[in-house]
N, C-alpha and C. Protein backbone atom coordinates (compact mmCIF):
# COMPACT_ATOMS: atom_id res chain seq x y z
N MET A 1 9.85 25.73 5.15
CA MET A 1 10.46 24.44 5.00
C MET A 1 9.62 23.36 5.83
N LYS A 2 9.12 23.63 6.92
CA LYS A 2 8.29 22.63 7.61
C LYS A 2 7.08 22.07 6.65
N ILE A 3 6.44 22.97 5.92
CA ILE A 3 5.56 22.46 4.93
C ILE A 3 6.03 21.42 4.04
N LYS A 4 7.05 21.83 3.49
CA LYS A 4 7.77 20.79 2.50
C LYS A 4 8.01 19.57 3.37
N ILE A 5 8.59 19.36 4.43
CA ILE A 5 8.76 18.31 5.13
C ILE A 5 7.57 17.40 5.33
N ALA A 6 6.44 18.22 5.69
CA ALA A 6 5.15 17.44 6.07
C ALA A 6 4.66 16.77 4.71
N LEU A 7 4.82 17.63 3.44
CA LEU A 7 4.44 17.04 2.34
C LEU A 7 5.26 15.78 1.90
N VAL A 8 6.48 15.65 2.16
CA VAL A 8 7.24 14.66 1.94
C VAL A 8 6.84 13.50 2.77
N GLN A 9 6.63 13.77 4.07
CA GLN A 9 6.13 12.65 5.01
C GLN A 9 4.87 11.96 4.51
N SER A 10 3.90 12.94 4.20
CA SER A 10 2.61 12.39 3.69
C SER A 10 2.73 11.65 2.43
N ASN A 11 3.60 12.11 1.51
CA ASN A 11 3.92 11.09 0.27
C ASN A 11 4.42 9.83 0.71
N LYS A 12 5.31 9.63 1.57
CA LYS A 12 5.87 8.40 2.07
C LYS A 12 4.76 7.57 2.83
N ILE A 13 3.88 8.26 3.40
CA ILE A 13 2.79 7.42 4.14
C ILE A 13 1.87 6.94 2.94
N GLN A 14 1.54 7.80 1.96
CA GLN A 14 0.66 7.32 0.76
C GLN A 14 1.42 6.18 0.11
N ASP A 15 2.68 6.24 -0.19
CA ASP A 15 3.43 5.22 -0.85
C ASP A 15 3.34 3.89 -0.10
N SER A 16 3.39 3.83 1.18
CA SER A 16 3.38 2.67 2.12
C SER A 16 1.97 2.06 2.12
N VAL A 17 0.88 3.07 2.04
CA VAL A 17 -0.53 2.57 1.99
C VAL A 17 -0.72 1.99 0.69
N ASN A 18 -0.28 2.51 -0.30
CA ASN A 18 -0.63 1.95 -1.59
C ASN A 18 0.22 0.62 -1.81
N ASP A 19 1.31 0.61 -1.28
CA ASP A 19 2.20 -0.69 -1.37
C ASP A 19 1.32 -1.83 -0.47
N THR A 20 0.81 -1.45 0.71
CA THR A 20 -0.01 -2.38 1.39
C THR A 20 -1.10 -2.85 0.64
N LEU A 21 -1.82 -1.97 0.03
CA LEU A 21 -3.07 -2.24 -0.87
C LEU A 21 -2.74 -3.25 -1.83
N LEU A 22 -1.54 -3.07 -2.63
CA LEU A 22 -1.13 -3.83 -3.60
C LEU A 22 -0.80 -5.21 -3.22
N LYS A 23 -0.20 -5.49 -2.09
CA LYS A 23 0.19 -6.70 -1.60
C LYS A 23 -1.03 -7.37 -1.16
N GLY A 24 -2.03 -6.70 -0.56
CA GLY A 24 -3.29 -7.18 -0.35
C GLY A 24 -3.99 -7.78 -1.43
N LEU A 25 -4.06 -7.00 -2.51
CA LEU A 25 -4.72 -7.63 -3.83
C LEU A 25 -3.98 -8.78 -4.23
N GLU A 26 -2.63 -8.75 -4.22
CA GLU A 26 -1.88 -9.86 -4.68
C GLU A 26 -2.22 -11.05 -3.87
N TYR A 27 -2.39 -11.03 -2.61
CA TYR A 27 -2.64 -12.00 -1.76
C TYR A 27 -4.14 -12.54 -1.96
N CYS A 28 -5.00 -11.75 -2.17
CA CYS A 28 -6.40 -12.10 -2.63
C CYS A 28 -6.36 -13.04 -3.87
N LYS A 29 -5.70 -12.58 -5.00
CA LYS A 29 -5.60 -13.27 -6.19
C LYS A 29 -4.91 -14.62 -5.97
N ARG A 30 -3.90 -14.76 -5.10
CA ARG A 30 -3.22 -15.98 -4.84
C ARG A 30 -4.28 -16.91 -4.21
N ALA A 31 -4.93 -16.28 -3.19
CA ALA A 31 -5.80 -17.18 -2.20
C ALA A 31 -6.96 -17.77 -3.23
N LYS A 32 -7.49 -16.90 -4.13
CA LYS A 32 -8.50 -17.42 -4.97
C LYS A 32 -8.01 -18.36 -5.70
N LYS A 33 -6.85 -18.20 -6.32
CA LYS A 33 -6.28 -19.27 -7.19
C LYS A 33 -6.16 -20.61 -6.54
N TRP A 34 -5.64 -20.56 -5.38
CA TRP A 34 -5.57 -21.68 -4.43
C TRP A 34 -6.96 -22.08 -3.74
N GLY A 35 -8.03 -21.32 -3.97
CA GLY A 35 -9.21 -21.88 -3.48
C GLY A 35 -9.48 -21.61 -1.95
N GLN A 36 -8.74 -20.58 -1.48
CA GLN A 36 -8.87 -20.40 -0.08
C GLN A 36 -10.04 -19.42 0.23
N ILE A 37 -10.50 -18.79 -0.67
CA ILE A 37 -11.50 -17.74 -0.46
C ILE A 37 -12.80 -18.17 -1.24
């Protein structure tokens, strides 16, 4: 059971990392559009 819990937790971490990366990409696109980068 502990292995299953660990897998679920690592999946949640991966999801939050992916979410952060997506937000970062969106931010970069907007910044370029506004000429900040």
